Amino acid sequence: NYGTAGQVITSGGSGGAITWSTINVSFTTNVITGNTTATKDNHYYINGSAITLTLPSSPTVGDEVRLSEVAGNTNCVVGRNGSNIMSSASDLTIDTAYLVLSLRYVDSTIGWAFS
């Protein structure tokens, strides 16, 4: 059995059979020009200066937020909203113009990690 286009193989664990699964994760496009609180499975295009994109407050393992700084600014912020970012209890300053970044929630220690 070869599955169908777009499927992935999922392990059944020790002694279990493999199965074919379909993973459908699509990201909603959002252009933001002011401070915004993110939700999972969204891609935020930050179009402005000194904008704070605040991460979700109660993330679960596997949640993902994507962002692109599209205005050439170096003073926008990703607010951690109580969770770590790369094991640091600090907000993330976007200090590179045109940065593209994916963040995935890993666990309570690491928090949001670059992916």
PDB file of N, CA and C in Angstrom:
ATOM      1  N   ASN A   1       0.858  -1.180   0.000  1.00  0.00           N
ATOM      2  CA  ASN A   1       0.000   0.000   0.000  1.00  0.00           C
ATOM      3  C   ASN A   1       0.898   1.234   0.000  1.00  0.00           C
ATOM      4  N   TYR A   2       0.738   2.086  -1.002  1.00  0.00           N
ATOM      5  CA  TYR A   2       1.582   3.268  -1.138  1.00  0.00           C
ATOM      6  C   TYR A   2       0.915   4.546  -0.658  1.00  0.00           C
ATOM      7  N   GLY A   3      -0.287   4.467  -0.132  1.00  0.00           N
ATOM      8  CA  GLY A   3      -0.970   5.676   0.306  1.00  0.00           C
ATOM      9  C   GLY A   3      -1.342   6.541  -0.889  1.00  0.00           C
ATOM     10  N   THR A   4      -1.667   7.790  -0.617  1.00  0.00           N
ATOM     11  CA  THR A   4      -1.990   8.734  -1.681  1.00  0.00           C
ATOM     12  C   THR A   4      -1.120   9.975  -1.531  1.00  0.00           C
ATOM     13  N   ALA A   5      -1.112  10.801  -2.552  1.00  0.00           N
ATOM     14  CA  ALA A   5      -0.289  12.006  -2.545  1.00  0.00           C
ATOM     15  C   ALA A   5      -0.597  12.854  -1.321  1.00  0.00           C
ATOM     16  N   GLY A   6       0.459  13.316  -0.643  1.00  0.00           N
ATOM     17  CA  GLY A   6       0.304  14.188   0.512  1.00  0.00           C
ATOM     18  C   GLY A   6       0.205  13.464   1.840  1.00  0.00           C
ATOM     19  N   GLN A   7       0.106  12.131   1.834  1.00  0.00           N
ATOM     20  CA  GLN A   7       0.024  11.390   3.094  1.00  0.00           C
ATOM     21  C   GLN A   7       1.407  11.112   3.660  1.00  0.00           C
ATOM     22  N   VAL A   8       1.456  10.834   4.955  1.00  0.00           N
ATOM     23  CA  VAL A   8       2.687  10.468   5.644  1.00  0.00           C
ATOM     24  C   VAL A   8       2.467   9.153   6.371  1.00  0.00           C
ATOM     25  N   ILE A   9       3.561   8.453   6.630  1.00  0.00           N
ATOM     26  CA  ILE A   9       3.473   7.191   7.368  1.00  0.00           C
ATOM     27  C   ILE A   9       3.510   7.487   8.857  1.00  0.00           C
ATOM     28  N   THR A  10       2.593   6.871   9.602  1.00  0.00           N
ATOM     29  CA  THR A  10       2.529   7.018  11.052  1.00  0.00           C
ATOM     30  C   THR A  10       2.830   5.666  11.686  1.00  0.00           C
ATOM     31  N   SER A  11       3.757   5.646  12.633  1.00  0.00           N
ATOM     32  CA  SER A  11       4.125   4.415  13.315  1.00  0.00           C
ATOM     33  C   SER A  11       3.027   3.990  14.280  1.00  0.00           C
ATOM     34  N   GLY A  12       2.803   2.698  14.340  1.00  0.00           N
ATOM     35  CA  GLY A  12       1.868   2.141  15.311  1.00  0.00           C
ATOM     36  C   GLY A  12       2.542   1.796  16.630  1.00  0.00           C
ATOM     37  N   GLY A  13       3.813   2.177  16.789  1.00  0.00           N
ATOM     38  CA  GLY A  13       4.547   1.872  18.018  1.00  0.00           C
ATOM     39  C   GLY A  13       5.135   0.474  17.968  1.00  0.00           C
ATOM     40  N   SER A  14       5.709   0.071  19.063  1.00  0.00           N
ATOM     41  CA  SER A  14       6.349  -1.232  19.146  1.00  0.00           C
ATOM     42  C   SER A  14       5.343  -2.341  18.850  1.00  0.00           C
ATOM     43  N   GLY A  15       5.571  -3.080  17.777  1.00  0.00           N
ATOM     44  CA  GLY A  15       4.704  -4.192  17.419  1.00  0.00           C
ATOM     45  C   GLY A  15       3.440  -3.784  16.688  1.00  0.00           C
ATOM     46  N   GLY A  16       3.217  -2.495  16.504  1.00  0.00           N
ATOM     47  CA  GLY A  16       2.013  -2.031  15.819  1.00  0.00           C
ATOM     48  C   GLY A  16       2.272  -1.791  14.344  1.00  0.00           C
ATOM     49  N   ALA A  17       1.240  -1.870  13.570  1.00  0.00           N
ATOM     50  CA  ALA A  17       1.347  -1.657  12.130  1.00  0.00           C
ATOM     51  C   ALA A  17       1.479  -0.168  11.815  1.00  0.00           C
ATOM     52  N   ILE A  18       2.112   0.130  10.695  1.00  0.00           N
ATOM     53  CA  ILE A  18       2.156   1.520  10.232  1.00  0.00           C
ATOM     54  C   ILE A  18       0.847   1.838   9.514  1.00  0.00           C
ATOM     55  N   THR A  19       0.500   3.110   9.494  1.00  0.00           N
ATOM     56  CA  THR A  19      -0.697   3.542   8.780  1.00  0.00           C
ATOM     57  C   THR A  19      -0.375   4.798   7.975  1.00  0.00           C
ATOM     58  N   TRP A  20      -1.180   5.080   7.008  1.00  0.00           N
ATOM     59  CA  TRP A  20      -1.052   6.308   6.229  1.00  0.00           C
ATOM     60  C   TRP A  20      -1.959   7.357   6.836  1.00  0.00           C
ATOM     61  N   SER A  21      -1.466   8.571   6.993  1.00  0.00           N
ATOM     62  CA  SER A  21      -2.241   9.667   7.581  1.00  0.00           C
ATOM     63  C   SER A  21      -2.136  10.901   6.693  1.00  0.00           C
ATOM     64  N   THR A  22      -3.152  11.707   6.754  1.00  0.00           N
ATOM     65  CA  THR A  22      -3.135  12.968   6.039  1.00  0.00           C
ATOM     66  C   THR A  22      -2.979  14.087   7.048  1.00  0.00           C
ATOM     67  N   ILE A  23      -2.009  14.953   6.824  1.00  0.00           N
ATOM     68  CA  ILE A  23      -1.787  16.099   7.705  1.00  0.00           C
ATOM     69  C   ILE A  23      -2.161  17.348   6.924  1.00  0.00           C
ATOM     70  N   ASN A  24      -3.178  18.020   7.387  1.00  0.00           N
ATOM     71  CA  ASN A  24      -3.629  19.231   6.721  1.00  0.00           C
ATOM     72  C   ASN A  24      -3.439  20.424   7.638  1.00  0.00           C
ATOM     73  N   VAL A  25      -2.289  21.060   7.531  1.00  0.00           N
ATOM     74  CA  VAL A  25      -2.070  22.283   8.289  1.00  0.00           C
ATOM     75  C   VAL A  25      -1.902  23.402   7.278  1.00  0.00           C
ATOM     76  N   SER A  26      -2.825  24.314   7.302  1.00  0.00           N
ATOM     77  CA  SER A  26      -2.685  25.477   6.435  1.00  0.00           C
ATOM     78  C   SER A  26      -2.682  26.700   7.334  1.00  0.00           C
ATOM     79  N   PHE A  27      -1.937  27.683   6.923  1.00  0.00           N
ATOM     80  CA  PHE A  27      -1.779  28.880   7.727  1.00  0.00           C
ATOM     81  C   PHE A  27      -2.599  30.005   7.124  1.00  0.00           C
ATOM     82  N   THR A  28      -3.343  30.688   7.971  1.00  0.00           N
ATOM     83  CA  THR A  28      -4.145  31.824   7.546  1.00  0.00           C
ATOM     84  C   THR A  28      -3.248  33.048   7.450  1.00  0.00           C
ATOM     85  N   THR A  29      -3.395  33.794   6.371  1.00  0.00           N
ATOM     86  CA  THR A  29      -2.600  34.998   6.139  1.00  0.00           C
ATOM     87  C   THR A  29      -3.231  36.185   6.853  1.00  0.00           C
ATOM     88  N   ASN A  30      -2.408  36.928   7.594  1.00  0.00           N
ATOM     89  CA  ASN A  30      -2.853  38.126   8.311  1.00  0.00           C
ATOM     90  C   ASN A  30      -1.831  39.233   8.123  1.00  0.00           C
ATOM     91  N   VAL A  31      -2.235  40.343   7.541  1.00  0.00           N
ATOM     92  CA  VAL A  31      -1.375  41.522   7.468  1.00  0.00           C
ATOM     93  C   VAL A  31      -1.736  42.395   8.656  1.00  0.00           C
ATOM     94  N   ILE A  32      -0.737  42.711   9.497  1.00  0.00           N
ATOM     95  CA  ILE A  32      -1.027  43.514  10.681  1.00  0.00           C
ATOM     96  C   ILE A  32      -0.266  44.830  10.623  1.00  0.00           C
ATOM     97  N   THR A  33      -0.934  45.877  11.066  1.00  0.00           N
ATOM     98  CA  THR A  33      -0.335  47.220  11.075  1.00  0.00           C
ATOM     99  C   THR A  33      -0.347  47.827  12.472  1.00  0.00           C
ATOM    100  N   GLY A  34      -0.739  47.025  13.446  1.00  0.00           N
ATOM    101  CA  GLY A  34      -0.761  47.453  14.840  1.00  0.00           C
ATOM    102  C   GLY A  34      -0.569  46.247  15.741  1.00  0.00           C
ATOM    103  N   ASN A  35      -0.436  46.492  17.032  1.00  0.00           N
ATOM    104  CA  ASN A  35      -0.230  45.410  17.994  1.00  0.00           C
ATOM    105  C   ASN A  35      -1.330  44.365  17.868  1.00  0.00           C
ATOM    106  N   THR A  36      -0.922  43.086  17.917  1.00  0.00           N
ATOM    107  CA  THR A  36      -1.852  41.974  17.682  1.00  0.00           C
ATOM    108  C   THR A  36      -1.481  40.808  18.580  1.00  0.00           C
ATOM    109  N   THR A  37      -2.495  40.068  19.042  1.00  0.00           N
ATOM    110  CA  THR A  37      -2.256  38.808  19.737  1.00  0.00           C
ATOM    111  C   THR A  37      -2.456  37.675  18.747  1.00  0.00           C
ATOM    112  N   ALA A  38      -1.441  36.845  18.612  1.00  0.00           N
ATOM    113  CA  ALA A  38      -1.440  35.760  17.633  1.00  0.00           C
ATOM    114  C   ALA A  38      -2.307  34.596  18.083  1.00  0.00           C
ATOM    115  N   THR A  39      -2.752  33.820  17.123  1.00  0.00           N
ATOM    116  CA  THR A  39      -3.371  32.522  17.363  1.00  0.00           C
ATOM    117  C   THR A  39      -2.637  31.497  16.516  1.00  0.00           C
ATOM    118  N   LYS A  40      -2.694  30.244  16.932  1.00  0.00           N
ATOM    119  CA  LYS A  40      -1.947  29.192  16.242  1.00  0.00           C
ATOM    120  C   LYS A  40      -2.413  29.056  14.796  1.00  0.00           C
ATOM    121  N   ASP A  41      -1.527  28.502  13.981  1.00  0.00           N
ATOM    122  CA  ASP A  41      -1.794  28.238  12.566  1.00  0.00           C
ATOM    123  C   ASP A  41      -2.104  29.498  11.776  1.00  0.00           C
ATOM    124  N   ASN A  42      -1.465  30.600  12.159  1.00  0.00           N
ATOM    125  CA  ASN A  42      -1.592  31.858  11.432  1.00  0.00           C
ATOM    126  C   ASN A  42      -0.208  32.355  11.061  1.00  0.00           C
ATOM    127  N   HIS A  43      -0.122  33.008   9.894  1.00  0.00           N
ATOM    128  CA  HIS A  43       1.109  33.651   9.439  1.00  0.00           C
ATOM    129  C   HIS A  43       0.839  35.140   9.421  1.00  0.00           C
ATOM    130  N   TYR A  44       1.633  35.872  10.189  1.00  0.00           N
ATOM    131  CA  TYR A  44       1.452  37.315  10.352  1.00  0.00           C
ATOM    132  C   TYR A  44       2.502  38.066   9.543  1.00  0.00           C
ATOM    133  N   TYR A  45       2.036  38.963   8.691  1.00  0.00           N
ATOM    134  CA  TYR A  45       2.899  39.835   7.911  1.00  0.00           C
ATOM    135  C   TYR A  45       2.892  41.182   8.615  1.00  0.00           C
ATOM    136  N   ILE A  46       4.000  41.499   9.268  1.00  0.00           N
ATOM    137  CA  ILE A  46       4.095  42.705  10.090  1.00  0.00           C
ATOM    138  C   ILE A  46       4.468  43.875   9.181  1.00  0.00           C
ATOM    139  N   ASN A  47       3.515  44.784   9.013  1.00  0.00           N
ATOM    140  CA  ASN A  47       3.681  45.892   8.075  1.00  0.00           C
ATOM    141  C   ASN A  47       3.613  47.215   8.828  1.00  0.00           C
ATOM    142  N   GLY A  48       4.691  47.538   9.516  1.00  0.00           N
ATOM    143  CA  GLY A  48       4.731  48.777  10.275  1.00  0.00           C
ATOM    144  C   GLY A  48       5.887  48.783  11.253  1.00  0.00           C
ATOM    145  N   SER A  49       6.024  49.898  11.941  1.00  0.00           N
ATOM    146  CA  SER A  49       7.120  50.103  12.871  1.00  0.00           C
ATOM    147  C   SER A  49       6.647  49.944  14.306  1.00  0.00           C
ATOM    148  N   ALA A  50       7.508  49.382  15.157  1.00  0.00           N
ATOM    149  CA  ALA A  50       7.264  49.249  16.599  1.00  0.00           C
ATOM    150  C   ALA A  50       5.978  48.479  16.914  1.00  0.00           C
ATOM    151  N   ILE A  51       5.706  47.447  16.144  1.00  0.00           N
ATOM    152  CA  ILE A  51       4.527  46.597  16.363  1.00  0.00           C
ATOM    153  C   ILE A  51       4.919  45.432  17.267  1.00  0.00           C
ATOM    154  N   THR A  52       4.035  45.088  18.202  1.00  0.00           N
ATOM    155  CA  THR A  52       4.241  43.902  19.032  1.00  0.00           C
ATOM    156  C   THR A  52       3.243  42.838  18.618  1.00  0.00           C
ATOM    157  N   LEU A  53       3.772  41.671  18.251  1.00  0.00           N
ATOM    158  CA  LEU A  53       2.962  40.491  17.990  1.00  0.00           C
ATOM    159  C   LEU A  53       3.096  39.608  19.220  1.00  0.00           C
ATOM    160  N   THR A  54       2.015  39.468  19.980  1.00  0.00           N
ATOM    161  CA  THR A  54       2.028  38.707  21.229  1.00  0.00           C
ATOM    162  C   THR A  54       1.627  37.268  20.938  1.00  0.00           C
ATOM    163  N   LEU A  55       2.445  36.324  21.401  1.00  0.00           N
ATOM    164  CA  LEU A  55       2.176  34.901  21.186  1.00  0.00           C
ATOM    165  C   LEU A  55       0.953  34.453  21.988  1.00  0.00           C
ATOM    166  N   PRO A  56       0.314  33.344  21.589  1.00  0.00           N
ATOM    167  CA  PRO A  56      -0.854  32.833  22.320  1.00  0.00           C
ATOM    168  C   PRO A  56      -0.536  32.573  23.794  1.00  0.00           C
ATOM    169  N   SER A  57      -1.520  32.791  24.673  1.00  0.00           N
ATOM    170  CA  SER A  57      -1.292  32.699  26.119  1.00  0.00           C
ATOM    171  C   SER A  57      -1.283  31.276  26.667  1.00  0.00           C
ATOM    172  N   SER A  58      -1.977  30.354  26.051  1.00  0.00           N
ATOM    173  CA  SER A  58      -2.039  28.974  26.560  1.00  0.00           C
ATOM    174  C   SER A  58      -1.723  27.992  25.442  1.00  0.00           C
ATOM    175  N   PRO A  59      -0.469  27.985  24.960  1.00  0.00           N
ATOM    176  CA  PRO A  59      -0.139  27.110  23.840  1.00  0.00           C
ATOM    177  C   PRO A  59      -0.091  25.645  24.251  1.00  0.00           C
ATOM    178  N   THR A  60      -0.289  24.767  23.275  1.00  0.00           N
ATOM    179  CA  THR A  60      -0.105  23.341  23.483  1.00  0.00           C
ATOM    180  C   THR A  60       1.015  22.872  22.553  1.00  0.00           C
ATOM    181  N   VAL A  61       1.636  21.772  22.922  1.00  0.00           N
ATOM    182  CA  VAL A  61       2.762  21.238  22.163  1.00  0.00           C
ATOM    183  C   VAL A  61       2.356  21.087  20.694  1.00  0.00           C
ATOM    184  N   GLY A  62       3.185  21.644  19.819  1.00  0.00           N
ATOM    185  CA  GLY A  62       2.940  21.549  18.382  1.00  0.00           C
ATOM    186  C   GLY A  62       2.295  22.778  17.773  1.00  0.00           C
ATOM    187  N   ASP A  63       1.771  23.686  18.605  1.00  0.00           N
ATOM    188  CA  ASP A  63       1.200  24.921  18.062  1.00  0.00           C
ATOM    189  C   ASP A  63       2.286  25.679  17.313  1.00  0.00           C
ATOM    190  N   GLU A  64       1.904  26.319  16.214  1.00  0.00           N
ATOM    191  CA  GLU A  64       2.886  27.057  15.424  1.00  0.00           C
ATOM    192  C   GLU A  64       2.331  28.412  15.028  1.00  0.00           C
ATOM    193  N   VAL A  65       3.214  29.401  15.047  1.00  0.00           N
ATOM    194  CA  VAL A  65       2.917  30.762  14.600  1.00  0.00           C
ATOM    195  C   VAL A  65       4.053  31.163  13.665  1.00  0.00           C
ATOM    196  N   ARG A  66       3.699  31.746  12.533  1.00  0.00           N
ATOM    197  CA  ARG A  66       4.710  32.214  11.588  1.00  0.00           C
ATOM    198  C   ARG A  66       4.599  33.725  11.446  1.00  0.00           C
ATOM    199  N   LEU A  67       5.732  34.352  11.125  1.00  0.00           N
ATOM    200  CA  LEU A  67       5.699  35.793  10.915  1.00  0.00           C
ATOM    201  C   LEU A  67       6.716  36.204   9.870  1.00  0.00           C
ATOM    202  N   SER A  68       6.392  37.293   9.193  1.00  0.00           N
ATOM    203  CA  SER A  68       7.303  37.924   8.233  1.00  0.00           C
ATOM    204  C   SER A  68       7.267  39.416   8.479  1.00  0.00           C
ATOM    205  N   GLU A  69       8.431  40.008   8.642  1.00  0.00           N
ATOM    206  CA  GLU A  69       8.519  41.466   8.783  1.00  0.00           C
ATOM    207  C   GLU A  69       8.666  41.997   7.362  1.00  0.00           C
ATOM    208  N   VAL A  70       7.652  42.714   6.869  1.00  0.00           N
ATOM    209  CA  VAL A  70       7.609  43.087   5.455  1.00  0.00           C
ATOM    210  C   VAL A  70       7.852  44.563   5.180  1.00  0.00           C
ATOM    211  N   ALA A  71       8.089  45.367   6.201  1.00  0.00           N
ATOM    212  CA  ALA A  71       8.219  46.811   6.014  1.00  0.00           C
ATOM    213  C   ALA A  71       9.655  47.314   6.158  1.00  0.00           C
ATOM    214  N   GLY A  72      10.588  46.413   6.404  1.00  0.00           N
ATOM    215  CA  GLY A  72      11.982  46.827   6.523  1.00  0.00           C
ATOM    216  C   GLY A  72      12.335  47.447   7.857  1.00  0.00           C
ATOM    217  N   ASN A  73      11.522  47.190   8.878  1.00  0.00           N
ATOM    218  CA  ASN A  73      11.775  47.760  10.206  1.00  0.00           C
ATOM    219  C   ASN A  73      12.580  46.812  11.080  1.00  0.00           C
ATOM    220  N   THR A  74      13.258  47.378  12.059  1.00  0.00           N
ATOM    221  CA  THR A  74      14.078  46.576  12.975  1.00  0.00           C
ATOM    222  C   THR A  74      13.722  46.858  14.429  1.00  0.00           C
ATOM    223  N   ASN A  75      12.465  47.230  14.681  1.00  0.00           N
ATOM    224  CA  ASN A  75      12.075  47.572  16.052  1.00  0.00           C
ATOM    225  C   ASN A  75      10.745  46.940  16.463  1.00  0.00           C
ATOM    226  N   CYS A  76      10.358  45.854  15.798  1.00  0.00           N
ATOM    227  CA  CYS A  76       9.137  45.150  16.189  1.00  0.00           C
ATOM    228  C   CYS A  76       9.486  44.083  17.222  1.00  0.00           C
ATOM    229  N   VAL A  77       8.476  43.603  17.931  1.00  0.00           N
ATOM    230  CA  VAL A  77       8.699  42.699  19.056  1.00  0.00           C
ATOM    231  C   VAL A  77       7.738  41.518  18.968  1.00  0.00           C
ATOM    232  N   VAL A  78       8.234  40.331  19.332  1.00  0.00           N
ATOM    233  CA  VAL A  78       7.387  39.163  19.548  1.00  0.00           C
ATOM    234  C   VAL A  78       7.262  39.016  21.053  1.00  0.00           C
ATOM    235  N   GLY A  79       6.068  39.241  21.588  1.00  0.00           N
ATOM    236  CA  GLY A  79       5.821  39.145  23.026  1.00  0.00           C
ATOM    237  C   GLY A  79       5.603  37.700  23.437  1.00  0.00           C
ATOM    238  N   ARG A  80       6.284  37.266  24.474  1.00  0.00           N
ATOM    239  CA  ARG A  80       6.255  35.852  24.872  1.00  0.00           C
ATOM    240  C   ARG A  80       4.976  35.446  25.598  1.00  0.00           C
ATOM    241  N   ASN A  81       4.264  36.400  26.176  1.00  0.00           N
ATOM    242  CA  ASN A  81       2.971  36.147  26.814  1.00  0.00           C
ATOM    243  C   ASN A  81       3.039  35.050  27.879  1.00  0.00           C
ATOM    244  N   GLY A  82       4.122  35.038  28.664  1.00  0.00           N
ATOM    245  CA  GLY A  82       4.247  34.096  29.776  1.00  0.00           C
ATOM    246  C   GLY A  82       5.003  32.823  29.459  1.00  0.00           C
ATOM    247  N   SER A  83       5.197  32.515  28.188  1.00  0.00           N
ATOM    248  CA  SER A  83       5.969  31.325  27.803  1.00  0.00           C
ATOM    249  C   SER A  83       7.367  31.750  27.377  1.00  0.00           C
ATOM    250  N   ASN A  84       8.317  30.879  27.577  1.00  0.00           N
ATOM    251  CA  ASN A  84       9.674  31.155  27.115  1.00  0.00           C
ATOM    252  C   ASN A  84       9.730  31.183  25.593  1.00  0.00           C
ATOM    253  N   ILE A  85      10.765  31.838  25.079  1.00  0.00           N
ATOM    254  CA  ILE A  85      11.117  31.757  23.665  1.00  0.00           C
ATOM    255  C   ILE A  85      12.555  31.261  23.630  1.00  0.00           C
ATOM    256  N   MET A  86      12.780  30.082  23.074  1.00  0.00           N
ATOM    257  CA  MET A  86      14.113  29.464  23.027  1.00  0.00           C
ATOM    258  C   MET A  86      14.732  29.411  24.428  1.00  0.00           C
ATOM    259  N   SER A  87      13.949  28.990  25.416  1.00  0.00           N
ATOM    260  CA  SER A  87      14.343  28.823  26.823  1.00  0.00           C
ATOM    261  C   SER A  87      14.614  30.130  27.551  1.00  0.00           C
ATOM    262  N   SER A  88      14.314  31.254  26.931  1.00  0.00           N
ATOM    263  CA  SER A  88      14.563  32.557  27.545  1.00  0.00           C
ATOM    264  C   SER A  88      13.243  33.220  27.945  1.00  0.00           C
ATOM    265  N   ALA A  89      13.216  33.765  29.149  1.00  0.00           N
ATOM    266  CA  ALA A  89      12.030  34.472  29.636  1.00  0.00           C
ATOM    267  C   ALA A  89      12.091  35.937  29.214  1.00  0.00           C
ATOM    268  N   SER A  90      12.350  36.160  27.925  1.00  0.00           N
ATOM    269  CA  SER A  90      12.429  37.519  27.389  1.00  0.00           C
ATOM    270  C   SER A  90      11.654  37.586  26.084  1.00  0.00           C
ATOM    271  N   ASP A  91      11.083  38.761  25.816  1.00  0.00           N
ATOM    272  CA  ASP A  91      10.465  38.985  24.522  1.00  0.00           C
ATOM    273  C   ASP A  91      11.549  38.960  23.454  1.00  0.00           C
ATOM    274  N   LEU A  92      11.145  38.743  22.206  1.00  0.00           N
ATOM    275  CA  LEU A  92      12.071  38.677  21.088  1.00  0.00           C
ATOM    276  C   LEU A  92      11.964  39.959  20.274  1.00  0.00           C
ATOM    277  N   THR A  93      13.072  40.687  20.158  1.00  0.00           N
ATOM    278  CA  THR A  93      13.098  41.887  19.327  1.00  0.00           C
ATOM    279  C   THR A  93      13.491  41.501  17.908  1.00  0.00           C
ATOM    280  N   ILE A  94      12.682  41.915  16.965  1.00  0.00           N
ATOM    281  CA  ILE A  94      12.987  41.665  15.559  1.00  0.00           C
ATOM    282  C   ILE A  94      13.934  42.762  15.111  1.00  0.00           C
ATOM    283  N   ASP A  95      15.214  42.421  15.073  1.00  0.00           N
ATOM    284  CA  ASP A  95      16.225  43.433  14.753  1.00  0.00           C
ATOM    285  C   ASP A  95      16.826  43.235  13.367  1.00  0.00           C
ATOM    286  N   THR A  96      16.158  42.440  12.543  1.00  0.00           N
ATOM    287  CA  THR A  96      16.588  42.207  11.170  1.00  0.00           C
ATOM    288  C   THR A  96      15.418  42.526  10.239  1.00  0.00           C
ATOM    289  N   ALA A  97      15.631  43.466   9.346  1.00  0.00           N
ATOM    290  CA  ALA A  97      14.588  43.815   8.388  1.00  0.00           C
ATOM    291  C   ALA A  97      14.254  42.600   7.515  1.00  0.00           C
ATOM    292  N   TYR A  98      12.990  42.432   7.229  1.00  0.00           N
ATOM    293  CA  TYR A  98      12.477  41.377   6.341  1.00  0.00           C
ATOM    294  C   TYR A  98      12.688  39.968   6.900  1.00  0.00           C
ATOM    295  N   LEU A  99      12.761  39.847   8.209  1.00  0.00           N
ATOM    296  CA  LEU A  99      12.912  38.548   8.860  1.00  0.00           C
ATOM    297  C   LEU A  99      11.679  37.685   8.607  1.00  0.00           C
ATOM    298  N   VAL A 100      11.904  36.409   8.330  1.00  0.00           N
ATOM    299  CA  VAL A 100      10.838  35.414   8.236  1.00  0.00           C
ATOM    300  C   VAL A 100      11.131  34.381   9.309  1.00  0.00           C
ATOM    301  N   LEU A 101      10.118  34.057  10.141  1.00  0.00           N
ATOM    302  CA  LEU A 101      10.358  33.201  11.295  1.00  0.00           C
ATOM    303  C   LEU A 101       9.152  32.315  11.567  1.00  0.00           C
ATOM    304  N   SER A 102       9.424  31.044  11.862  1.00  0.00           N
ATOM    305  CA  SER A 102       8.397  30.115  12.317  1.00  0.00           C
ATOM    306  C   SER A 102       8.710  29.753  13.759  1.00  0.00           C
ATOM    307  N   LEU A 103       7.711  29.814  14.609  1.00  0.00           N
ATOM    308  CA  LEU A 103       7.860  29.453  16.013  1.00  0.00           C
ATOM    309  C   LEU A 103       6.913  28.297  16.322  1.00  0.00           C
ATOM    310  N   ARG A 104       7.438  27.248  16.952  1.00  0.00           N
ATOM    311  CA  ARG A 104       6.622  26.095  17.342  1.00  0.00           C
ATOM    312  C   ARG A 104       6.761  25.913  18.848  1.00  0.00           C
ATOM    313  N   TYR A 105       5.624  25.695  19.523  1.00  0.00           N
ATOM    314  CA  TYR A 105       5.659  25.489  20.975  1.00  0.00           C
ATOM    315  C   TYR A 105       6.113  24.067  21.255  1.00  0.00           C
ATOM    316  N   VAL A 106       7.198  23.939  22.058  1.00  0.00           N
ATOM    317  CA  VAL A 106       7.823  22.644  22.332  1.00  0.00           C
ATOM    318  C   VAL A 106       7.417  22.096  23.700  1.00  0.00           C
ATOM    319  N   ASP A 107       7.648  22.874  24.746  1.00  0.00           N
ATOM    320  CA  ASP A 107       7.280  22.466  26.099  1.00  0.00           C
ATOM    321  C   ASP A 107       7.431  23.680  27.016  1.00  0.00           C
ATOM    322  N   SER A 108       7.142  23.497  28.306  1.00  0.00           N
ATOM    323  CA  SER A 108       7.158  24.641  29.224  1.00  0.00           C
ATOM    324  C   SER A 108       8.577  25.165  29.520  1.00  0.00           C
ATOM    325  N   THR A 109       9.596  24.345  29.306  1.00  0.00           N
ATOM    326  CA  THR A 109      10.966  24.800  29.541  1.00  0.00           C
ATOM    327  C   THR A 109      11.525  25.566  28.349  1.00  0.00           C
ATOM    328  N   ILE A 110      11.454  24.965  27.183  1.00  0.00           N
ATOM    329  CA  ILE A 110      11.945  25.618  25.969  1.00  0.00           C
ATOM    330  C   ILE A 110      10.952  26.682  25.519  1.00  0.00           C
ATOM    331  N   GLY A 111       9.677  26.379  25.650  1.00  0.00           N
ATOM    332  CA  GLY A 111       8.638  27.293  25.194  1.00  0.00           C
ATOM    333  C   GLY A 111       8.533  27.267  23.690  1.00  0.00           C
ATOM    334  N   TRP A 112       8.567  28.446  23.068  1.00  0.00           N
ATOM    335  CA  TRP A 112       8.488  28.596  21.619  1.00  0.00           C
ATOM    336  C   TRP A 112       9.902  28.463  21.056  1.00  0.00           C
ATOM    337  N   ALA A 113      10.067  27.588  20.064  1.00  0.00           N
ATOM    338  CA  ALA A 113      11.382  27.361  19.446  1.00  0.00           C
ATOM    339  C   ALA A 113      11.313  27.724  17.966  1.00  0.00           C
ATOM    340  N   PHE A 114      12.435  28.184  17.440  1.00  0.00           N
ATOM    341  CA  PHE A 114      12.533  28.456  16.003  1.00  0.00           C
ATOM    342  C   PHE A 114      12.408  27.124  15.266  1.00  0.00           C
ATOM    343  N   SER A 115      11.637  27.122  14.210  1.00  0.00           N
ATOM    344  CA  SER A 115      11.512  25.882  13.435  1.00  0.00           C
ATOM    345  C   SER A 115      11.594  26.156  11.963  1.00  0.00           C
TER     346      SER A 115
END
